[in-house]
Full PDB file with SEQRES, HELIX, SHEET, SSBOND, CRYST1, ORIGX, SCALE, CONECT and MASTER records, all heavy atoms in Angstrom:
SEQRES   1 A   30  PRO ASP THR GLY ASP GLU VAL SER ARG LEU ALA THR THR          
SEQRES   2 A   30  PHE ASP GLU MET LEU THR ARG LEU ASP SER GLY PHE GLN          
SEQRES   3 A   30  ARG GLU ARG GLN                                              
HELIX    1 AA1 GLU A    6  ARG A   29  1                                  24    
CRYST1    1.000    1.000    1.000  90.00  90.00  90.00 P 1           1          
ORIGX1      1.000000  0.000000  0.000000        0.00000                         
ORIGX2      0.000000  1.000000  0.000000        0.00000                         
ORIGX3      0.000000  0.000000  1.000000        0.00000                         
SCALE1      1.000000  0.000000  0.000000        0.00000                         
SCALE2      0.000000  1.000000  0.000000        0.00000                         
SCALE3      0.000000  0.000000  1.000000        0.00000                         
ATOM      1  N   PRO A   1      90.338  84.890 114.102  1.00  0.00           N  
ATOM      2  CA  PRO A   1      90.813  85.745 115.195  1.00  0.00           C  
ATOM      3  C   PRO A   1      92.265  86.143 114.978  1.00  0.00           C  
ATOM      4  O   PRO A   1      93.063  85.360 114.452  1.00  0.00           O  
ATOM      5  CB  PRO A   1      90.651  84.845 116.437  1.00  0.00           C  
ATOM      6  CG  PRO A   1      90.618  83.445 115.901  1.00  0.00           C  
ATOM      7  CD  PRO A   1      89.961  83.538 114.550  1.00  0.00           C  
ATOM      8  N   ASP A   2      92.585  87.350 115.364  1.00  0.00           N  
ATOM      9  CA  ASP A   2      93.944  87.868 115.180  1.00  0.00           C  
ATOM     10  C   ASP A   2      94.839  87.358 116.310  1.00  0.00           C  
ATOM     11  O   ASP A   2      94.833  87.872 117.415  1.00  0.00           O  
ATOM     12  CB  ASP A   2      93.919  89.397 115.163  1.00  0.00           C  
ATOM     13  CG  ASP A   2      95.281  89.985 114.834  1.00  0.00           C  
ATOM     14  OD1 ASP A   2      96.185  89.201 114.478  1.00  0.00           O  
ATOM     15  OD2 ASP A   2      95.455  91.204 114.946  1.00  0.00           O  
ATOM     16  N   THR A   3      95.623  86.299 116.003  1.00  0.00           N  
ATOM     17  CA  THR A   3      96.554  85.736 116.984  1.00  0.00           C  
ATOM     18  C   THR A   3      97.951  86.302 116.841  1.00  0.00           C  
ATOM     19  O   THR A   3      98.823  86.016 117.660  1.00  0.00           O  
ATOM     20  CB  THR A   3      96.607  84.203 116.837  1.00  0.00           C  
ATOM     21  OG1 THR A   3      97.013  83.876 115.491  1.00  0.00           O  
ATOM     22  CG2 THR A   3      95.240  83.586 117.104  1.00  0.00           C  
ATOM     23  N   GLY A   4      98.191  87.085 115.795  1.00  0.00           N  
ATOM     24  CA  GLY A   4      99.492  87.716 115.619  1.00  0.00           C  
ATOM     25  C   GLY A   4     100.526  86.850 114.935  1.00  0.00           C  
ATOM     26  O   GLY A   4     101.648  87.319 114.702  1.00  0.00           O  
ATOM     27  N   ASP A   5     100.198  85.592 114.608  1.00  0.00           N  
ATOM     28  CA  ASP A   5     101.183  84.733 113.968  1.00  0.00           C  
ATOM     29  C   ASP A   5     101.107  84.882 112.448  1.00  0.00           C  
ATOM     30  O   ASP A   5     100.316  85.655 111.908  1.00  0.00           O  
ATOM     31  CB  ASP A   5     100.984  83.273 114.377  1.00  0.00           C  
ATOM     32  CG  ASP A   5      99.586  82.752 114.043  1.00  0.00           C  
ATOM     33  OD1 ASP A   5      98.865  83.443 113.298  1.00  0.00           O  
ATOM     34  OD2 ASP A   5      99.222  81.677 114.538  1.00  0.00           O  
ATOM     35  N   GLU A   6     101.982  84.107 111.750  1.00  0.00           N  
ATOM     36  CA  GLU A   6     102.069  84.243 110.301  1.00  0.00           C  
ATOM     37  C   GLU A   6     100.766  83.841 109.603  1.00  0.00           C  
ATOM     38  O   GLU A   6     100.351  84.491 108.636  1.00  0.00           O  
ATOM     39  CB  GLU A   6     103.221  83.381 109.756  1.00  0.00           C  
ATOM     40  CG  GLU A   6     104.610  83.845 110.145  1.00  0.00           C  
ATOM     41  CD  GLU A   6     105.031  83.428 111.546  1.00  0.00           C  
ATOM     42  OE1 GLU A   6     104.210  82.783 112.245  1.00  0.00           O  
ATOM     43  OE2 GLU A   6     106.154  83.735 111.941  1.00  0.00           O  
ATOM     44  N   VAL A   7     100.138  82.776 110.083  1.00  0.00           N  
ATOM     45  CA  VAL A   7      98.896  82.324 109.448  1.00  0.00           C  
ATOM     46  C   VAL A   7      97.794  83.365 109.640  1.00  0.00           C  
ATOM     47  O   VAL A   7      97.003  83.624 108.733  1.00  0.00           O  
ATOM     48  CB  VAL A   7      98.470  80.957 110.020  1.00  0.00           C  
ATOM     49  CG1 VAL A   7      97.135  80.521 109.440  1.00  0.00           C  
ATOM     50  CG2 VAL A   7      99.524  79.901 109.722  1.00  0.00           C  
ATOM     51  N   SER A   8      97.758  83.972 110.828  1.00  0.00           N  
ATOM     52  CA  SER A   8      96.758  85.011 111.076  1.00  0.00           C  
ATOM     53  C   SER A   8      96.974  86.200 110.156  1.00  0.00           C  
ATOM     54  O   SER A   8      96.025  86.754 109.599  1.00  0.00           O  
ATOM     55  CB  SER A   8      96.821  85.459 112.543  1.00  0.00           C  
ATOM     56  OG  SER A   8      95.944  86.535 112.775  1.00  0.00           O  
ATOM     57  N   ARG A   9      98.243  86.570 109.962  1.00  0.00           N  
ATOM     58  CA  ARG A   9      98.528  87.685 109.054  1.00  0.00           C  
ATOM     59  C   ARG A   9      98.165  87.313 107.616  1.00  0.00           C  
ATOM     60  O   ARG A   9      97.685  88.146 106.851  1.00  0.00           O  
ATOM     61  CB  ARG A   9     100.002  88.077 109.150  1.00  0.00           C  
ATOM     62  CG  ARG A   9     100.376  88.711 110.478  1.00  0.00           C  
ATOM     63  CD  ARG A   9     101.687  89.475 110.382  1.00  0.00           C  
ATOM     64  NE  ARG A   9     102.802  88.591 110.093  1.00  0.00           N  
ATOM     65  CZ  ARG A   9     103.521  87.968 111.026  1.00  0.00           C  
ATOM     66  NH1 ARG A   9     103.236  88.137 112.305  1.00  0.00           N  
ATOM     67  NH2 ARG A   9     104.538  87.201 110.691  1.00  0.00           N  
ATOM     68  N   LEU A  10      98.420  86.039 107.250  1.00  0.00           N  
ATOM     69  CA  LEU A  10      98.035  85.588 105.908  1.00  0.00           C  
ATOM     70  C   LEU A  10      96.526  85.664 105.730  1.00  0.00           C  
ATOM     71  O   LEU A  10      96.040  86.123 104.681  1.00  0.00           O  
ATOM     72  CB  LEU A  10      98.525  84.151 105.688  1.00  0.00           C  
ATOM     73  CG  LEU A  10      98.076  83.476 104.379  1.00  0.00           C  
ATOM     74  CD1 LEU A  10      98.632  84.243 103.187  1.00  0.00           C  
ATOM     75  CD2 LEU A  10      98.538  82.023 104.347  1.00  0.00           C  
ATOM     76  N   ALA A  11      95.780  85.208 106.743  1.00  0.00           N  
ATOM     77  CA  ALA A  11      94.319  85.247 106.648  1.00  0.00           C  
ATOM     78  C   ALA A  11      93.823  86.699 106.559  1.00  0.00           C  
ATOM     79  O   ALA A  11      92.920  87.007 105.774  1.00  0.00           O  
ATOM     80  CB  ALA A  11      93.698  84.546 107.852  1.00  0.00           C  
ATOM     81  N   THR A  12      94.435  87.584 107.355  1.00  0.00           N  
ATOM     82  CA  THR A  12      94.042  88.997 107.301  1.00  0.00           C  
ATOM     83  C   THR A  12      94.340  89.590 105.930  1.00  0.00           C  
ATOM     84  O   THR A  12      93.521  90.329 105.351  1.00  0.00           O  
ATOM     85  CB  THR A  12      94.784  89.783 108.389  1.00  0.00           C  
ATOM     86  OG1 THR A  12      94.469  89.234 109.683  1.00  0.00           O  
ATOM     87  CG2 THR A  12      94.381  91.251 108.364  1.00  0.00           C  
ATOM     88  N   THR A  13      95.518  89.269 105.395  1.00  0.00           N  
ATOM     89  CA  THR A  13      95.879  89.755 104.060  1.00  0.00           C  
ATOM     90  C   THR A  13      94.926  89.214 103.008  1.00  0.00           C  
ATOM     91  O   THR A  13      94.542  89.911 102.065  1.00  0.00           O  
ATOM     92  CB  THR A  13      97.323  89.347 103.726  1.00  0.00           C  
ATOM     93  OG1 THR A  13      98.204  89.841 104.729  1.00  0.00           O  
ATOM     94  CG2 THR A  13      97.737  89.903 102.376  1.00  0.00           C  
ATOM     95  N   PHE A  14      94.525  87.944 103.175  1.00  0.00           N  
ATOM     96  CA  PHE A  14      93.594  87.319 102.235  1.00  0.00           C  
ATOM     97  C   PHE A  14      92.247  88.046 102.269  1.00  0.00           C  
ATOM     98  O   PHE A  14      91.652  88.337 101.226  1.00  0.00           O  
ATOM     99  CB  PHE A  14      93.425  85.851 102.593  1.00  0.00           C  
ATOM    100  CG  PHE A  14      92.640  85.050 101.592  1.00  0.00           C  
ATOM    101  CD1 PHE A  14      93.208  84.591 100.427  1.00  0.00           C  
ATOM    102  CD2 PHE A  14      91.297  84.754 101.827  1.00  0.00           C  
ATOM    103  CE1 PHE A  14      92.484  83.866  99.505  1.00  0.00           C  
ATOM    104  CE2 PHE A  14      90.555  84.026 100.923  1.00  0.00           C  
ATOM    105  CZ  PHE A  14      91.162  83.579  99.746  1.00  0.00           C  
ATOM    106  N   ASP A  15      91.757  88.340 103.486  1.00  0.00           N  
ATOM    107  CA  ASP A  15      90.496  89.076 103.603  1.00  0.00           C  
ATOM    108  C   ASP A  15      90.601  90.467 102.987  1.00  0.00           C  
ATOM    109  O   ASP A  15      89.675  90.944 102.317  1.00  0.00           O  
ATOM    110  CB  ASP A  15      90.087  89.187 105.073  1.00  0.00           C  
ATOM    111  CG  ASP A  15      89.509  87.887 105.613  1.00  0.00           C  
ATOM    112  OD1 ASP A  15      89.152  87.018 104.799  1.00  0.00           O  
ATOM    113  OD2 ASP A  15      89.425  87.730 106.848  1.00  0.00           O  
ATOM    114  N   GLU A  16      91.745  91.139 103.238  1.00  0.00           N  
ATOM    115  CA  GLU A  16      91.929  92.466 102.657  1.00  0.00           C  
ATOM    116  C   GLU A  16      91.970  92.389 101.130  1.00  0.00           C  
ATOM    117  O   GLU A  16      91.436  93.268 100.444  1.00  0.00           O  
ATOM    118  CB  GLU A  16      93.222  93.093 103.191  1.00  0.00           C  
ATOM    119  CG  GLU A  16      93.156  93.426 104.677  1.00  0.00           C  
ATOM    120  CD  GLU A  16      94.494  93.885 105.217  1.00  0.00           C  
ATOM    121  OE1 GLU A  16      95.499  93.770 104.477  1.00  0.00           O  
ATOM    122  OE2 GLU A  16      94.552  94.339 106.376  1.00  0.00           O  
ATOM    123  N   MET A  17      92.612  91.347 100.610  1.00  0.00           N  
ATOM    124  CA  MET A  17      92.655  91.173  99.157  1.00  0.00           C  
ATOM    125  C   MET A  17      91.250  90.969  98.593  1.00  0.00           C  
ATOM    126  O   MET A  17      90.880  91.552  97.563  1.00  0.00           O  
ATOM    127  CB  MET A  17      93.537  89.979  98.806  1.00  0.00           C  
ATOM    128  CG  MET A  17      93.626  89.691  97.306  1.00  0.00           C  
ATOM    129  SD  MET A  17      94.373  88.094  96.945  1.00  0.00           S  
ATOM    130  CE  MET A  17      93.085  86.989  97.527  1.00  0.00           C  
ATOM    131  N   LEU A  18      90.442  90.144  99.294  1.00  0.00           N  
ATOM    132  CA  LEU A  18      89.069  89.921  98.847  1.00  0.00           C  
ATOM    133  C   LEU A  18      88.263  91.217  98.876  1.00  0.00           C  
ATOM    134  O   LEU A  18      87.451  91.476  97.987  1.00  0.00           O  
ATOM    135  CB  LEU A  18      88.399  88.867  99.731  1.00  0.00           C  
ATOM    136  CG  LEU A  18      88.895  87.432  99.574  1.00  0.00           C  
ATOM    137  CD1 LEU A  18      88.177  86.520 100.552  1.00  0.00           C  
ATOM    138  CD2 LEU A  18      88.696  86.935  98.153  1.00  0.00           C  
ATOM    139  N   THR A  19      88.511  92.020  99.913  1.00  0.00           N  
ATOM    140  CA  THR A  19      87.804  93.297 100.002  1.00  0.00           C  
ATOM    141  C   THR A  19      88.171  94.200  98.831  1.00  0.00           C  
ATOM    142  O   THR A  19      87.299  94.836  98.220  1.00  0.00           O  
ATOM    143  CB  THR A  19      88.142  93.993 101.331  1.00  0.00           C  
ATOM    144  OG1 THR A  19      87.743  93.154 102.425  1.00  0.00           O  
ATOM    145  CG2 THR A  19      87.418  95.329 101.448  1.00  0.00           C  
ATOM    146  N   ARG A  20      89.479  94.241  98.513  1.00  0.00           N  
ATOM    147  CA  ARG A  20      89.902  95.066  97.376  1.00  0.00           C  
ATOM    148  C   ARG A  20      89.320  94.539  96.064  1.00  0.00           C  
ATOM    149  O   ARG A  20      88.878  95.311  95.216  1.00  0.00           O  
ATOM    150  CB  ARG A  20      91.436  95.114  97.297  1.00  0.00           C  
ATOM    151  CG  ARG A  20      92.088  95.886  98.435  1.00  0.00           C  
ATOM    152  CD  ARG A  20      93.530  96.176  98.123  1.00  0.00           C  
ATOM    153  NE  ARG A  20      94.311  94.958  97.937  1.00  0.00           N  
ATOM    154  CZ  ARG A  20      94.925  94.296  98.913  1.00  0.00           C  
ATOM    155  NH1 ARG A  20      94.860  94.752 100.158  1.00  0.00           N  
ATOM    156  NH2 ARG A  20      95.624  93.205  98.667  1.00  0.00           N  
ATOM    157  N   LEU A  21      89.347  93.213  95.901  1.00  0.00           N  
ATOM    158  CA  LEU A  21      88.791  92.639  94.678  1.00  0.00           C  
ATOM    159  C   LEU A  21      87.287  92.913  94.578  1.00  0.00           C  
ATOM    160  O   LEU A  21      86.782  93.258  93.498  1.00  0.00           O  
ATOM    161  CB  LEU A  21      89.051  91.121  94.653  1.00  0.00           C  
ATOM    162  CG  LEU A  21      90.489  90.679  94.402  1.00  0.00           C  
ATOM    163  CD1 LEU A  21      90.594  89.167  94.529  1.00  0.00           C  
ATOM    164  CD2 LEU A  21      90.969  91.119  93.028  1.00  0.00           C  
ATOM    165  N   ASP A  22      86.601  92.731  95.715  1.00  0.00           N  
ATOM    166  CA  ASP A  22      85.158  92.980  95.724  1.00  0.00           C  
ATOM    167  C   ASP A  22      84.863  94.433  95.360  1.00  0.00           C  
ATOM    168  O   ASP A  22      83.976  94.733  94.546  1.00  0.00           O  
ATOM    169  CB  ASP A  22      84.598  92.643  97.100  1.00  0.00           C  
ATOM    170  CG  ASP A  22      83.074  92.586  97.106  1.00  0.00           C  
ATOM    171  OD1 ASP A  22      82.489  92.546  96.005  1.00  0.00           O  
ATOM    172  OD2 ASP A  22      82.482  92.584  98.187  1.00  0.00           O  
ATOM    173  N   SER A  23      85.642  95.336  95.964  1.00  0.00           N  
ATOM    174  CA  SER A  23      85.439  96.756  95.667  1.00  0.00           C  
ATOM    175  C   SER A  23      85.745  97.056  94.203  1.00  0.00           C  
ATOM    176  O   SER A  23      85.017  97.812  93.546  1.00  0.00           O  
ATOM    177  CB  SER A  23      86.348  97.598  96.580  1.00  0.00           C  
ATOM    178  OG  SER A  23      86.235  98.967  96.278  1.00  0.00           O  
ATOM    179  N   GLY A  24      86.822  96.445  93.693  1.00  0.00           N  
ATOM    180  CA  GLY A  24      87.181  96.671  92.292  1.00  0.00           C  
ATOM    181  C   GLY A  24      86.122  96.159  91.335  1.00  0.00           C  
ATOM    182  O   GLY A  24      85.758  96.847  90.370  1.00  0.00           O  
ATOM    183  N   PHE A  25      85.610  94.937  91.619  1.00  0.00           N  
ATOM    184  CA  PHE A  25      84.568  94.390  90.747  1.00  0.00           C  
ATOM    185  C   PHE A  25      83.292  95.233  90.820  1.00  0.00           C  
ATOM    186  O   PHE A  25      82.609  95.430  89.804  1.00  0.00           O  
ATOM    187  CB  PHE A  25      84.266  92.944  91.133  1.00  0.00           C  
ATOM    188  CG  PHE A  25      85.157  91.951  90.444  1.00  0.00           C  
ATOM    189  CD1 PHE A  25      86.244  91.403  91.108  1.00  0.00           C  
ATOM    190  CD2 PHE A  25      84.920  91.579  89.135  1.00  0.00           C  
ATOM    191  CE1 PHE A  25      87.074  90.498  90.473  1.00  0.00           C  
ATOM    192  CE2 PHE A  25      85.751  90.659  88.491  1.00  0.00           C  
ATOM    193  CZ  PHE A  25      86.833  90.127  89.153  1.00  0.00           C  
ATOM    194  N   GLN A  26      82.973  95.703  92.027  1.00  0.00           N  
ATOM    195  CA  GLN A  26      81.783  96.544  92.149  1.00  0.00           C  
ATOM    196  C   GLN A  26      81.947  97.838  91.365  1.00  0.00           C  
ATOM    197  O   GLN A  26      80.996  98.303  90.715  1.00  0.00           O  
ATOM    198  CB  GLN A  26      81.512  96.838  93.622  1.00  0.00           C  
ATOM    199  CG  GLN A  26      80.995  95.634  94.415  1.00  0.00           C  
ATOM    200  CD  GLN A  26      80.727  95.978  95.859  1.00  0.00           C  
ATOM    201  OE1 GLN A  26      80.888  97.110  96.285  1.00  0.00           O  
ATOM    202  NE2 GLN A  26      80.322  94.970  96.636  1.00  0.00           N  
ATOM    203  N   ARG A  27      83.154  98.415  91.431  1.00  0.00           N  
ATOM    204  CA  ARG A  27      83.393  99.636  90.659  1.00  0.00           C  
ATOM    205  C   ARG A  27      83.280  99.375  89.164  1.00  0.00           C  
ATOM    206  O   ARG A  27      82.724 100.186  88.417  1.00  0.00           O  
ATOM    207  CB  ARG A  27      84.770 100.221  90.994  1.00  0.00           C  
ATOM    208  CG  ARG A  27      84.859 100.860  92.365  1.00  0.00           C  
ATOM    209  CD  ARG A  27      86.085 101.762  92.450  1.00  0.00           C  
ATOM    210  NE  ARG A  27      87.312 101.034  92.162  1.00  0.00           N  
ATOM    211  CZ  ARG A  27      88.050 100.407  93.071  1.00  0.00           C  
ATOM    212  NH1 ARG A  27      87.662 100.416  94.342  1.00  0.00           N  
ATOM    213  NH2 ARG A  27      89.151  99.790  92.738  1.00  0.00           N  
ATOM    214  N   GLU A  28      83.829  98.219  88.740  1.00  0.00           N  
ATOM    215  CA  GLU A  28      83.753  97.897  87.316  1.00  0.00           C  
ATOM    216  C   GLU A  28      82.311  97.663  86.881  1.00  0.00           C  
ATOM    217  O   GLU A  28      81.895  98.094  85.797  1.00  0.00           O  
ATOM    218  CB  GLU A  28      84.607  96.662  87.015  1.00  0.00           C  
ATOM    219  CG  GLU A  28      86.097  96.895  87.164  1.00  0.00           C  
ATOM    220  CD  GLU A  28      86.591  98.028  86.294  1.00  0.00           C  
ATOM    221  OE1 GLU A  28      86.141  98.136  85.137  1.00  0.00           O  
ATOM    222  OE2 GLU A  28      87.409  98.837  86.783  1.00  0.00           O  
ATOM    223  N   ARG A  29      81.554  96.952  87.732  1.00  0.00           N  
ATOM    224  CA  ARG A  29      80.140  96.736  87.393  1.00  0.00           C  
ATOM    225  C   ARG A  29      79.387  98.072  87.320  1.00  0.00           C  
ATOM    226  O   ARG A  29      78.577  98.302  86.417  1.00  0.00           O  
ATOM    227  CB  ARG A  29      79.487  95.824  88.432  1.00  0.00           C  
ATOM    228  CG  ARG A  29      80.006  94.389  88.430  1.00  0.00           C  
ATOM    229  CD  ARG A  29      79.115  93.504  89.283  1.00  0.00           C  
ATOM    230  NE  ARG A  29      79.702  92.192  89.488  1.00  0.00           N  
ATOM    231  CZ  ARG A  29      80.353  91.822  90.587  1.00  0.00           C  
ATOM    232  NH1 ARG A  29      80.463  92.671  91.597  1.00  0.00           N  
ATOM    233  NH2 ARG A  29      80.871  90.611  90.698  1.00  0.00           N  
ATOM    234  N   GLN A  30      79.675  98.941  88.317  1.00  0.00           N  
ATOM    235  CA  GLN A  30      79.020 100.241  88.323  1.00  0.00           C  
ATOM    236  C   GLN A  30      79.432 101.069  87.114  1.00  0.00           C  
ATOM    237  O   GLN A  30      78.615 101.750  86.493  1.00  0.00           O  
ATOM    238  CB  GLN A  30      79.374 100.991  89.615  1.00  0.00           C  
ATOM    239  CG  GLN A  30      78.629 102.308  89.801  1.00  0.00           C  
ATOM    240  CD  GLN A  30      77.126 102.091  89.936  1.00  0.00           C  
ATOM    241  OE1 GLN A  30      76.693 101.144  90.570  1.00  0.00           O  
ATOM    242  NE2 GLN A  30      76.342 102.972  89.300  1.00  0.00           N  
TER     243      GLN A  30                                                      
MASTER        0    0    0    1    0    0    0    6  242    1    0    3          
END                                                                             
């Protein structure tokens, strides 16, 4: 959940990074 604190922002950034990595790997596989 987005609580607005530093850990929440870190978790959000981590999820965004995973999304970018997932998208990048999918593009490479494709």
